[in-house]
C-alpha cells in the first residue's frame, strides 16, 4: 500500500528511509513492504519509505547483525 502524501500524514519518527537496495529486497522477502518510493532531491538516488514497527525493527537488527560485507578495494 503506497501513501502518496506520507510526508504530511506521518512524522519522521514514524518512518524509516531505506537507501540500500539489498536491504530493501531483504525487507520485502520478509513481507515488509514500503509505503512509498521517492527520489532524493540532492543525490537523485531512489529510496523507499517504511512505517516503523516491531517487525521492521527486528529485521533491521537481523540485517545489521548478518549483512554482507562490502567489497574491499
Protein backbone atom coordinates (compact mmCIF):
# COMPACT_ATOMS: atom_id res chain seq x y z
CA UNK A 1 0.00 0.00 0.00
CA UNK A 2 1.54 3.26 -1.11
CA UNK A 3 0.76 6.50 0.70
CA UNK A 4 1.09 9.42 -1.70
CA UNK A 5 1.30 12.19 0.92
CA UNK A 6 3.21 10.29 3.61
CA UNK A 7 5.29 13.39 4.45
CA UNK A 8 2.13 15.18 5.56
CA UNK A 9 0.48 12.23 7.30
CA UNK A 10 3.42 10.75 9.21
CA UNK A 11 6.15 12.21 11.38
CA UNK A 12 9.85 11.50 10.81
CA UNK A 13 9.80 9.32 13.93
CA UNK A 14 7.17 7.06 12.35
CA UNK A 15 9.07 6.21 9.18
CA UNK A 16 12.31 4.53 8.16
CA UNK A 17 14.03 5.73 4.99
CA UNK A 18 15.91 2.95 3.22
CA UNK A 19 18.65 3.89 0.73
CA UNK A 20 20.00 0.34 0.32
CA UNK A 21 18.62 -1.83 -2.47
CA UNK A 22 19.88 -5.08 -0.86
CA UNK A 23 18.21 -4.09 2.42
CA UNK A 24 15.01 -3.20 0.56
CA UNK A 25 14.99 -6.66 -1.08
CA UNK A 26 15.66 -8.30 2.30
CA UNK A 27 12.73 -6.47 3.89
CA UNK A 28 10.40 -7.37 1.03
CA UNK A 29 11.47 -11.00 1.20
CA UNK A 30 10.31 -10.91 4.83
CA UNK A 31 6.91 -9.45 3.92
CA UNK A 32 7.67 -5.88 4.98
CA UNK A 33 6.67 -3.52 2.18
CA UNK A 34 7.34 0.17 1.61
CA UNK A 35 4.64 2.81 1.70
CA UNK A 36 6.46 5.00 -0.83
CA UNK A 37 9.36 5.22 -3.24
CA UNK A 38 10.98 8.59 -3.74
CA UNK A 39 13.97 10.22 -5.40
CA UNK A 40 16.26 12.13 -3.05
CA UNK A 41 16.30 15.74 -4.18
CA UNK A 42 20.05 16.21 -3.60
CA UNK A 43 21.55 12.87 -4.61
CA UNK A 44 18.87 11.79 -7.12
CA UNK A 45 19.04 8.29 -5.61
CA UNK A 46 15.91 6.23 -5.14
CA UNK A 47 14.90 5.42 -1.58
CA UNK A 48 11.98 3.58 -0.06
CA UNK A 49 9.89 4.57 2.94
CA UNK A 50 8.70 2.08 5.55
CA UNK A 51 6.45 2.58 8.54
CA UNK A 52 8.35 1.78 11.71
CA UNK A 53 7.01 -1.13 13.70
CA UNK A 54 8.30 -4.01 15.79
CA UNK A 55 8.76 -6.38 12.84
CA UNK A 56 10.76 -3.78 10.91
CA UNK A 57 12.96 -3.09 13.93
CA UNK A 58 13.64 -6.82 14.39
CA UNK A 59 14.54 -7.23 10.71
CA UNK A 60 16.83 -4.20 10.78
CA UNK A 61 18.66 -5.69 13.76
CA UNK A 62 18.90 -9.02 11.97
CA UNK A 63 20.24 -7.26 8.85
CA UNK A 64 22.81 -5.33 10.88
CA UNK A 65 23.99 -8.49 12.64
CA UNK A 66 24.27 -10.53 9.43
CA UNK A 67 24.58 -8.15 6.48
CA UNK A 68 27.07 -8.97 3.75
CA UNK A 69 30.34 -7.11 3.94
CA UNK A 70 31.03 -4.51 1.30
CA UNK A 71 33.78 -5.45 -1.12
CA UNK A 72 37.12 -4.04 -0.09
CA UNK A 73 39.04 -2.18 -2.77
